[in-house]
Amino acid sequence: MALPIIVKWGGQEYSVTTLSEDDTVLDLKQFLKTLTGVLPERQKLLGLKVKGKPAENDVKLGALKLKPNTKIMMMGTREESLEDVLGPPPDNDDVVNDFDIEDEVVEVENREENLLKISRRVKEYKVEILNPPREGKKLLVLDVDYTLFDHRSCAETGVELMRPYLHEFLTSAYEDYDIVIWSATNMKWIEAKMKELGVSTNANYKITFMLDSAAMITVHTPRRGLIDVKPLGVIWGKFSEYYSKKNTIMFDDIGRNFLMNPQNGLK
């Protein structure tokens, strides 16, 4: 019996329709190699578990009790990309120093059309509260990719992708800060990543809520044209009784995400 599966990797979705319940996890990895070029031994498939543990290569797909068209996420790097991954960061817009955005801040931060976009997000974007905001706490907003973990790493487990001492950091921060996760991806994948890293289930701290790409806005800058940013005004508008520019800080590896709130961002 055919078992169609959808695998997300590198920002794309790959449909696997030729495997059956009698094929193994290794068969799936071999097939994914033909689609992505990532060697089976470098693949990490999130969500494939048997009795709460990651499925070994010899486990048959039928034993995983997957529903047709189940979506799973793959982590791993092509062999030919390892030199780039392990070497110094590339000289692109995401990693250059942020002095070049300072001139654009004035152009963007107070522009009426951008403030209207924030107002619409405040009105229309639905936030699922995971744990209630706490009176008197400041706010820490955290990006995910390249901030909490390196999703392009060739590591074989989610724990190896995690920033060292992540849980210790979040435990310490939680004493004074409510913690919010904001990633420029789909909420489904944010939830999967946080579960894999043990962030959403840790007993020593709580996540107040999570935001995805739908909470972002697109702004026009003279130098870069149209770009997506993370305006903290969305949070401040929805939770004005708890958070403001006076008690909020956001960590992100991409400096342009701070264009609407440059004094509250730390790269």
C-alpha atoms as a PDB file:
ATOM      1  CA  MET A   1       0.000   0.000   0.000  1.00  0.00           C
ATOM      2  CA  ALA A   2       1.455   3.346  -1.091  1.00  0.00           C
ATOM      3  CA  LEU A   3       2.202   5.837   1.670  1.00  0.00           C
ATOM      4  CA  PRO A   4       2.492   9.408   0.327  1.00  0.00           C
ATOM      5  CA  ILE A   5       4.649  11.676   2.501  1.00  0.00           C
ATOM      6  CA  ILE A   6       5.535  15.352   2.196  1.00  0.00           C
ATOM      7  CA  VAL A   7       9.027  16.359   3.338  1.00  0.00           C
ATOM      8  CA  LYS A   8      10.036  19.982   3.944  1.00  0.00           C
ATOM      9  CA  TRP A   9      13.697  20.918   3.572  1.00  0.00           C
ATOM     10  CA  GLY A  10      15.505  24.099   2.577  1.00  0.00           C
ATOM     11  CA  GLY A  11      12.301  26.093   2.308  1.00  0.00           C
ATOM     12  CA  GLN A  12      10.758  23.663  -0.196  1.00  0.00           C
ATOM     13  CA  GLU A  13       8.330  20.770   0.036  1.00  0.00           C
ATOM     14  CA  TYR A  14       9.059  17.423  -1.621  1.00  0.00           C
ATOM     15  CA  SER A  15       6.331  14.862  -2.324  1.00  0.00           C
ATOM     16  CA  VAL A  16       7.273  11.223  -1.807  1.00  0.00           C
ATOM     17  CA  THR A  17       4.691   9.015  -3.495  1.00  0.00           C
ATOM     18  CA  THR A  18       6.577   5.876  -4.544  1.00  0.00           C
ATOM     19  CA  LEU A  19       7.176   4.277  -1.125  1.00  0.00           C
ATOM     20  CA  SER A  20       4.921   1.842   0.713  1.00  0.00           C
ATOM     21  CA  GLU A  21       4.344   0.801   4.321  1.00  0.00           C
ATOM     22  CA  ASP A  22       6.788  -2.084   3.773  1.00  0.00           C
ATOM     23  CA  ASP A  23       9.655   0.284   2.938  1.00  0.00           C
ATOM     24  CA  THR A  24      11.999   1.380   5.715  1.00  0.00           C
ATOM     25  CA  VAL A  25      13.180   4.710   7.071  1.00  0.00           C
ATOM     26  CA  LEU A  26      16.451   4.087   5.229  1.00  0.00           C
ATOM     27  CA  ASP A  27      14.520   3.636   1.975  1.00  0.00           C
ATOM     28  CA  LEU A  28      12.907   7.001   2.595  1.00  0.00           C
ATOM     29  CA  LYS A  29      16.300   8.601   3.221  1.00  0.00           C
ATOM     30  CA  GLN A  30      17.724   7.063   0.059  1.00  0.00           C
ATOM     31  CA  PHE A  31      14.819   8.458  -1.939  1.00  0.00           C
ATOM     32  CA  LEU A  32      15.240  11.887  -0.355  1.00  0.00           C
ATOM     33  CA  LYS A  33      18.892  11.809  -1.402  1.00  0.00           C
ATOM     34  CA  THR A  34      17.770  11.632  -5.043  1.00  0.00           C
ATOM     35  CA  LEU A  35      15.548  14.670  -4.486  1.00  0.00           C
ATOM     36  CA  THR A  36      17.798  16.846  -2.333  1.00  0.00           C
ATOM     37  CA  GLY A  37      21.364  15.552  -2.657  1.00  0.00           C
ATOM     38  CA  VAL A  38      21.647  15.141   1.124  1.00  0.00           C
ATOM     39  CA  LEU A  39      23.320  11.862   2.092  1.00  0.00           C
ATOM     40  CA  PRO A  40      21.186   9.515   4.250  1.00  0.00           C
ATOM     41  CA  GLU A  41      23.719   9.632   7.092  1.00  0.00           C
ATOM     42  CA  ARG A  42      23.404  13.427   7.186  1.00  0.00           C
ATOM     43  CA  GLN A  43      19.623  13.471   7.249  1.00  0.00           C
ATOM     44  CA  LYS A  44      17.638  14.166  10.402  1.00  0.00           C
ATOM     45  CA  LEU A  45      13.908  13.511   9.961  1.00  0.00           C
ATOM     46  CA  LEU A  46      11.833  15.238  12.623  1.00  0.00           C
ATOM     47  CA  GLY A  47       8.624  13.560  13.708  1.00  0.00           C
ATOM     48  CA  LEU A  48       9.475   9.943  12.846  1.00  0.00           C
ATOM     49  CA  LYS A  49       9.263   8.198  16.197  1.00  0.00           C
ATOM     50  CA  VAL A  50       8.476   4.759  17.584  1.00  0.00           C
ATOM     51  CA  LYS A  51       7.376   4.542  21.216  1.00  0.00           C
ATOM     52  CA  GLY A  52       8.600   8.079  21.788  1.00  0.00           C
ATOM     53  CA  LYS A  53      12.084   7.489  20.367  1.00  0.00           C
ATOM     54  CA  PRO A  54      13.522   8.459  16.955  1.00  0.00           C
ATOM     55  CA  ALA A  55      12.909   5.709  14.420  1.00  0.00           C
ATOM     56  CA  GLU A  56      15.991   3.718  13.405  1.00  0.00           C
ATOM     57  CA  ASN A  57      16.830   3.150   9.739  1.00  0.00           C
ATOM     58  CA  ASP A  58      15.476  -0.407   9.733  1.00  0.00           C
ATOM     59  CA  VAL A  59      12.010   0.533  10.991  1.00  0.00           C
ATOM     60  CA  LYS A  60       9.272   0.034   8.417  1.00  0.00           C
ATOM     61  CA  LEU A  61       7.213   3.090   7.525  1.00  0.00           C
ATOM     62  CA  GLY A  62       4.041   1.186   8.320  1.00  0.00           C
ATOM     63  CA  ALA A  63       5.147   0.896  11.951  1.00  0.00           C
ATOM     64  CA  LEU A  64       5.203   4.694  12.246  1.00  0.00           C
ATOM     65  CA  LYS A  65       1.412   4.898  11.843  1.00  0.00           C
ATOM     66  CA  LEU A  66       1.700   7.867   9.483  1.00  0.00           C
ATOM     67  CA  LYS A  67      -1.397   9.280   7.843  1.00  0.00           C
ATOM     68  CA  PRO A  68      -1.314   9.840   4.077  1.00  0.00           C
ATOM     69  CA  ASN A  69       0.429  13.112   3.126  1.00  0.00           C
ATOM     70  CA  THR A  70       1.878  13.554   6.591  1.00  0.00           C
ATOM     71  CA  LYS A  71       4.328  16.469   6.586  1.00  0.00           C
ATOM     72  CA  ILE A  72       7.745  15.966   8.184  1.00  0.00           C
ATOM     73  CA  MET A  73      10.802  18.202   8.314  1.00  0.00           C
ATOM     74  CA  MET A  74      14.275  17.139   7.248  1.00  0.00           C
ATOM     75  CA  MET A  75      17.494  18.675   8.513  1.00  0.00           C
ATOM     76  CA  GLY A  76      20.855  18.123   6.875  1.00  0.00           C
ATOM     77  CA  THR A  77      23.358  19.585   4.440  1.00  0.00           C
ATOM     78  CA  ARG A  78      24.563  18.457   1.027  1.00  0.00           C
ATOM     79  CA  GLU A  79      28.112  17.148   1.044  1.00  0.00           C
ATOM     80  CA  GLU A  80      29.250  19.815  -1.383  1.00  0.00           C
ATOM     81  CA  SER A  81      27.818  22.505   0.915  1.00  0.00           C
ATOM     82  CA  LEU A  82      29.723  21.501   4.026  1.00  0.00           C
ATOM     83  CA  GLU A  83      32.709  23.686   3.191  1.00  0.00           C
ATOM     84  CA  ASP A  84      30.383  26.678   3.023  1.00  0.00           C
ATOM     85  CA  VAL A  85      28.618  25.709   6.251  1.00  0.00           C
ATOM     86  CA  LEU A  86      31.789  25.162   8.245  1.00  0.00           C
ATOM     87  CA  GLY A  87      33.642  28.126   6.801  1.00  0.00           C
ATOM     88  CA  PRO A  88      33.242  31.832   7.557  1.00  0.00           C
ATOM     89  CA  PRO A  89      29.796  33.406   6.980  1.00  0.00           C
ATOM     90  CA  PRO A  90      29.127  34.558   3.418  1.00  0.00           C
ATOM     91  CA  ASP A  91      29.219  38.258   2.665  1.00  0.00           C
ATOM     92  CA  ASN A  92      25.525  38.817   1.985  1.00  0.00           C
ATOM     93  CA  ASP A  93      22.739  41.110   3.139  1.00  0.00           C
ATOM     94  CA  ASP A  94      21.877  38.888   6.086  1.00  0.00           C
ATOM     95  CA  VAL A  95      25.270  38.994   7.760  1.00  0.00           C
ATOM     96  CA  VAL A  96      26.918  42.279   6.854  1.00  0.00           C
ATOM     97  CA  ASN A  97      27.256  44.738   9.704  1.00  0.00           C
ATOM     98  CA  ASP A  98      24.115  46.689  10.425  1.00  0.00           C
ATOM     99  CA  PHE A  99      25.505  50.207  10.094  1.00  0.00           C
ATOM    100  CA  ASP A 100      24.149  50.300   6.560  1.00  0.00           C
ATOM    101  CA  ILE A 101      20.560  50.120   7.780  1.00  0.00           C
ATOM    102  CA  GLU A 102      20.790  53.096  10.104  1.00  0.00           C
ATOM    103  CA  ASP A 103      20.071  55.632   7.370  1.00  0.00           C
ATOM    104  CA  GLU A 104      16.952  53.690   6.427  1.00  0.00           C
ATOM    105  CA  VAL A 105      15.499  53.560   9.935  1.00  0.00           C
ATOM    106  CA  VAL A 106      14.283  57.143   9.815  1.00  0.00           C
ATOM    107  CA  GLU A 107      12.743  56.463   6.420  1.00  0.00           C
ATOM    108  CA  VAL A 108      10.824  53.438   7.661  1.00  0.00           C
ATOM    109  CA  GLU A 109      10.120  53.614  11.384  1.00  0.00           C
ATOM    110  CA  ASN A 110       7.572  56.440  11.394  1.00  0.00           C
ATOM    111  CA  ARG A 111       6.142  56.173   7.898  1.00  0.00           C
ATOM    112  CA  GLU A 112       2.345  56.302   8.096  1.00  0.00           C
ATOM    113  CA  GLU A 113       1.751  53.418   5.702  1.00  0.00           C
ATOM    114  CA  ASN A 114       3.910  51.128   7.860  1.00  0.00           C
ATOM    115  CA  LEU A 115       2.149  52.188  11.051  1.00  0.00           C
ATOM    116  CA  LEU A 116      -1.171  51.357   9.368  1.00  0.00           C
ATOM    117  CA  LYS A 117       0.121  47.888   8.511  1.00  0.00           C
ATOM    118  CA  ILE A 118       1.019  47.358  12.166  1.00  0.00           C
ATOM    119  CA  SER A 119      -2.465  48.488  13.198  1.00  0.00           C
ATOM    120  CA  ARG A 120      -3.979  45.908  10.860  1.00  0.00           C
ATOM    121  CA  ARG A 121      -1.793  43.169  12.323  1.00  0.00           C
ATOM    122  CA  VAL A 122      -2.822  44.194  15.838  1.00  0.00           C
ATOM    123  CA  LYS A 123      -6.466  43.934  14.807  1.00  0.00           C
ATOM    124  CA  GLU A 124      -6.367  40.831  12.611  1.00  0.00           C
ATOM    125  CA  TYR A 125      -3.491  38.577  13.709  1.00  0.00           C
ATOM    126  CA  LYS A 126      -4.585  35.893  16.159  1.00  0.00           C
ATOM    127  CA  VAL A 127      -2.185  35.127  19.005  1.00  0.00           C
ATOM    128  CA  GLU A 128      -2.511  31.831  20.855  1.00  0.00           C
ATOM    129  CA  ILE A 129      -1.552  32.443  24.471  1.00  0.00           C
ATOM    130  CA  LEU A 130       0.435  29.469  25.745  1.00  0.00           C
ATOM    131  CA  ASN A 131       1.077  30.954  29.190  1.00  0.00           C
ATOM    132  CA  PRO A 132      -0.426  34.210  30.495  1.00  0.00           C
ATOM    133  CA  PRO A 133       1.758  37.356  30.575  1.00  0.00           C
ATOM    134  CA  ARG A 134       3.078  38.014  34.077  1.00  0.00           C
ATOM    135  CA  GLU A 135       2.625  41.326  35.807  1.00  0.00           C
ATOM    136  CA  GLY A 136       5.844  43.295  36.182  1.00  0.00           C
ATOM    137  CA  LYS A 137       7.952  41.185  33.813  1.00  0.00           C
ATOM    138  CA  LYS A 138       9.904  42.532  30.865  1.00  0.00           C
ATOM    139  CA  LEU A 139       9.703  40.931  27.415  1.00  0.00           C
ATOM    140  CA  LEU A 140      12.332  38.895  25.549  1.00  0.00           C
ATOM    141  CA  VAL A 141      11.519  38.131  21.886  1.00  0.00           C
ATOM    142  CA  LEU A 142      13.656  35.439  20.271  1.00  0.00           C
ATOM    143  CA  ASP A 143      14.219  34.467  16.659  1.00  0.00           C
ATOM    144  CA  VAL A 144      14.707  30.753  15.885  1.00  0.00           C
ATOM    145  CA  ASP A 145      16.924  29.946  12.874  1.00  0.00           C
ATOM    146  CA  TYR A 146      20.576  30.884  13.488  1.00  0.00           C
ATOM    147  CA  THR A 147      19.594  32.353  16.862  1.00  0.00           C
ATOM    148  CA  LEU A 148      18.395  29.375  18.899  1.00  0.00           C
ATOM    149  CA  PHE A 149      19.749  26.732  16.542  1.00  0.00           C
ATOM    150  CA  ASP A 150      21.606  26.222  13.265  1.00  0.00           C
ATOM    151  CA  HIS A 151      19.171  24.541  10.885  1.00  0.00           C
ATOM    152  CA  ARG A 152      21.791  24.185   8.125  1.00  0.00           C
ATOM    153  CA  SER A 153      24.146  22.181  10.304  1.00  0.00           C
ATOM    154  CA  CYS A 154      25.119  18.649   9.315  1.00  0.00           C
ATOM    155  CA  ALA A 155      24.303  17.510  12.868  1.00  0.00           C
ATOM    156  CA  GLU A 156      22.286  14.326  13.159  1.00  0.00           C
ATOM    157  CA  THR A 157      20.072  15.242  16.124  1.00  0.00           C
ATOM    158  CA  GLY A 158      18.044  18.258  17.107  1.00  0.00           C
ATOM    159  CA  VAL A 159      20.026  18.610  20.321  1.00  0.00           C
ATOM    160  CA  GLU A 160      23.251  19.006  18.322  1.00  0.00           C
ATOM    161  CA  LEU A 161      21.651  21.861  16.379  1.00  0.00           C
ATOM    162  CA  MET A 162      20.830  23.714  19.585  1.00  0.00           C
ATOM    163  CA  ARG A 163      22.823  26.714  20.779  1.00  0.00           C
ATOM    164  CA  PRO A 164      24.965  25.611  23.747  1.00  0.00           C
ATOM    165  CA  TYR A 165      23.371  26.326  27.154  1.00  0.00           C
ATOM    166  CA  LEU A 166      20.080  27.329  25.529  1.00  0.00           C
ATOM    167  CA  HIS A 167      17.937  25.919  28.340  1.00  0.00           C
ATOM    168  CA  GLU A 168      20.138  27.444  31.017  1.00  0.00           C
ATOM    169  CA  PHE A 169      19.852  30.817  29.287  1.00  0.00           C
ATOM    170  CA  LEU A 170      16.068  30.622  28.987  1.00  0.00           C
ATOM    171  CA  THR A 171      15.718  29.451  32.587  1.00  0.00           C
ATOM    172  CA  SER A 172      17.720  32.436  33.797  1.00  0.00           C
ATOM    173  CA  ALA A 173      15.927  34.904  31.510  1.00  0.00           C
ATOM    174  CA  TYR A 174      12.512  33.639  32.637  1.00  0.00           C
ATOM    175  CA  GLU A 175      13.110  35.004  36.119  1.00  0.00           C
ATOM    176  CA  ASP A 176      12.765  38.561  34.787  1.00  0.00           C
ATOM    177  CA  TYR A 177      11.315  38.212  31.283  1.00  0.00           C
ATOM    178  CA  ASP A 178       8.274  36.757  29.603  1.00  0.00           C
ATOM    179  CA  ILE A 179       9.595  34.841  26.581  1.00  0.00           C
ATOM    180  CA  VAL A 180       8.124  35.056  23.078  1.00  0.00           C
ATOM    181  CA  ILE A 181       9.298  33.138  19.994  1.00  0.00           C
ATOM    182  CA  TRP A 182       9.058  34.933  16.623  1.00  0.00           C
ATOM    183  CA  SER A 183      10.244  33.227  13.445  1.00  0.00           C
ATOM    184  CA  ALA A 184       9.785  34.161   9.783  1.00  0.00           C
ATOM    185  CA  THR A 185       8.350  30.720   9.006  1.00  0.00           C
ATOM    186  CA  ASN A 186       5.035  28.867   9.285  1.00  0.00           C
ATOM    187  CA  MET A 187       3.673  28.202  12.777  1.00  0.00           C
ATOM    188  CA  LYS A 188       3.617  24.452  12.106  1.00  0.00           C
ATOM    189  CA  TRP A 189       7.391  24.389  11.709  1.00  0.00           C
ATOM    190  CA  ILE A 190       7.993  26.720  14.642  1.00  0.00           C
ATOM    191  CA  GLU A 191       6.048  24.348  16.864  1.00  0.00           C
ATOM    192  CA  ALA A 192       7.952  21.356  15.482  1.00  0.00           C
ATOM    193  CA  LYS A 193      11.333  22.998  16.097  1.00  0.00           C
ATOM    194  CA  MET A 194      10.449  24.102  19.628  1.00  0.00           C
ATOM    195  CA  LYS A 195       9.220  20.619  20.463  1.00  0.00           C
ATOM    196  CA  GLU A 196      12.329  18.988  19.029  1.00  0.00           C
ATOM    197  CA  LEU A 197      14.577  21.307  21.054  1.00  0.00           C
ATOM    198  CA  GLY A 198      12.541  20.752  24.204  1.00  0.00           C
ATOM    199  CA  VAL A 199      11.761  24.461  24.513  1.00  0.00           C
ATOM    200  CA  SER A 200       7.973  24.179  24.525  1.00  0.00           C
ATOM    201  CA  THR A 201       7.965  21.435  27.170  1.00  0.00           C
ATOM    202  CA  ASN A 202      10.699  22.559  29.561  1.00  0.00           C
ATOM    203  CA  ALA A 203       9.575  22.657  33.186  1.00  0.00           C
ATOM    204  CA  ASN A 204      12.007  25.419  34.190  1.00  0.00           C
ATOM    205  CA  TYR A 205      10.539  28.170  31.994  1.00  0.00           C
ATOM    206  CA  LYS A 206       7.434  28.917  29.975  1.00  0.00           C
ATOM    207  CA  ILE A 207       6.867  30.382  26.517  1.00  0.00           C
ATOM    208  CA  THR A 208       4.189  33.091  26.612  1.00  0.00           C
ATOM    209  CA  PHE A 209       3.272  32.816  22.928  1.00  0.00           C
ATOM    210  CA  MET A 210       4.792  32.320  19.475  1.00  0.00           C
ATOM    211  CA  LEU A 211       4.510  34.440  16.326  1.00  0.00           C
ATOM    212  CA  ASP A 212       5.072  33.362  12.729  1.00  0.00           C
ATOM    213  CA  SER A 213       5.634  35.110   9.396  1.00  0.00           C
ATOM    214  CA  ALA A 214       2.000  36.242   9.220  1.00  0.00           C
ATOM    215  CA  ALA A 215       2.692  38.729  12.031  1.00  0.00           C
ATOM    216  CA  MET A 216       5.442  40.428   9.991  1.00  0.00           C
ATOM    217  CA  ILE A 217       4.941  43.367   7.626  1.00  0.00           C
ATOM    218  CA  THR A 218       6.533  44.365   4.323  1.00  0.00           C
ATOM    219  CA  VAL A 219       8.180  47.778   4.172  1.00  0.00           C
ATOM    220  CA  HIS A 220       9.888  49.687   1.378  1.00  0.00           C
ATOM    221  CA  THR A 221      13.398  51.004   1.913  1.00  0.00           C
ATOM    222  CA  PRO A 222      15.324  53.287  -0.453  1.00  0.00           C
ATOM    223  CA  ARG A 223      18.352  50.988  -0.577  1.00  0.00           C
ATOM    224  CA  ARG A 224      16.890  47.478  -0.329  1.00  0.00           C
ATOM    225  CA  GLY A 225      13.446  47.867  -1.838  1.00  0.00           C
ATOM    226  CA  LEU A 226      10.714  45.688  -0.311  1.00  0.00           C
ATOM    227  CA  ILE A 227      11.725  43.666   2.762  1.00  0.00           C
ATOM    228  CA  ASP A 228       9.882  41.818   5.512  1.00  0.00           C
ATOM    229  CA  VAL A 229      10.437  42.972   9.101  1.00  0.00           C
ATOM    230  CA  LYS A 230       9.284  42.059  12.609  1.00  0.00           C
ATOM    231  CA  PRO A 231       7.561  45.114  14.099  1.00  0.00           C
ATOM    232  CA  LEU A 232       7.386  44.859  17.877  1.00  0.00           C
ATOM    233  CA  GLY A 233       4.487  47.289  17.656  1.00  0.00           C
ATOM    234  CA  VAL A 234       2.295  44.274  16.898  1.00  0.00           C
ATOM    235  CA  ILE A 235       3.048  42.866  20.345  1.00  0.00           C
ATOM    236  CA  TRP A 236       2.872  46.254  22.055  1.00  0.00           C
ATOM    237  CA  GLY A 237      -0.504  46.932  20.450  1.00  0.00           C
ATOM    238  CA  LYS A 238      -1.990  43.622  21.498  1.00  0.00           C
ATOM    239  CA  PHE A 239      -0.513  43.565  25.002  1.00  0.00           C
ATOM    240  CA  SER A 240      -0.129  47.248  25.833  1.00  0.00           C
ATOM    241  CA  GLU A 241      -0.881  46.656  29.505  1.00  0.00           C
ATOM    242  CA  TYR A 242       2.231  44.458  29.810  1.00  0.00           C
ATOM    243  CA  TYR A 243       4.801  45.356  27.143  1.00  0.00           C
ATOM    244  CA  SER A 244       6.185  48.486  25.513  1.00  0.00           C
ATOM    245  CA  LYS A 245       9.396  49.849  23.977  1.00  0.00           C
ATOM    246  CA  LYS A 246      10.566  50.544  27.536  1.00  0.00           C
ATOM    247  CA  ASN A 247      10.710  46.885  28.614  1.00  0.00           C
ATOM    248  CA  THR A 248      11.239  44.844  25.410  1.00  0.00           C
ATOM    249  CA  ILE A 249      14.323  43.421  23.702  1.00  0.00           C
ATOM    250  CA  MET A 250      14.472  41.182  20.630  1.00  0.00           C
ATOM    251  CA  PHE A 251      17.360  38.918  19.570  1.00  0.00           C
ATOM    252  CA  ASP A 252      17.648  38.132  15.851  1.00  0.00           C
ATOM    253  CA  ASP A 253      20.510  37.209  13.522  1.00  0.00           C
ATOM    254  CA  ILE A 254      19.144  39.500  10.772  1.00  0.00           C
ATOM    255  CA  GLY A 255      19.524  43.171  11.595  1.00  0.00           C
ATOM    256  CA  ARG A 256      16.932  44.407   9.114  1.00  0.00           C
ATOM    257  CA  ASN A 257      14.193  42.764  11.197  1.00  0.00           C
ATOM    258  CA  PHE A 258      14.715  45.660  13.651  1.00  0.00           C
ATOM    259  CA  LEU A 259      13.959  48.445  11.156  1.00  0.00           C
ATOM    260  CA  MET A 260      10.656  49.343  12.809  1.00  0.00           C
ATOM    261  CA  ASN A 261      12.116  49.227  16.324  1.00  0.00           C
ATOM    262  CA  PRO A 262      15.916  49.746  16.107  1.00  0.00           C
ATOM    263  CA  GLN A 263      16.393  50.623  19.779  1.00  0.00           C
ATOM    264  CA  ASN A 264      14.886  47.304  20.897  1.00  0.00           C
ATOM    265  CA  GLY A 265      16.873  44.901  18.718  1.00  0.00           C
ATOM    266  CA  LEU A 266      20.118  43.093  19.435  1.00  0.00           C
ATOM    267  CA  LYS A 267      21.789  41.121  16.651  1.00  0.00           C
END
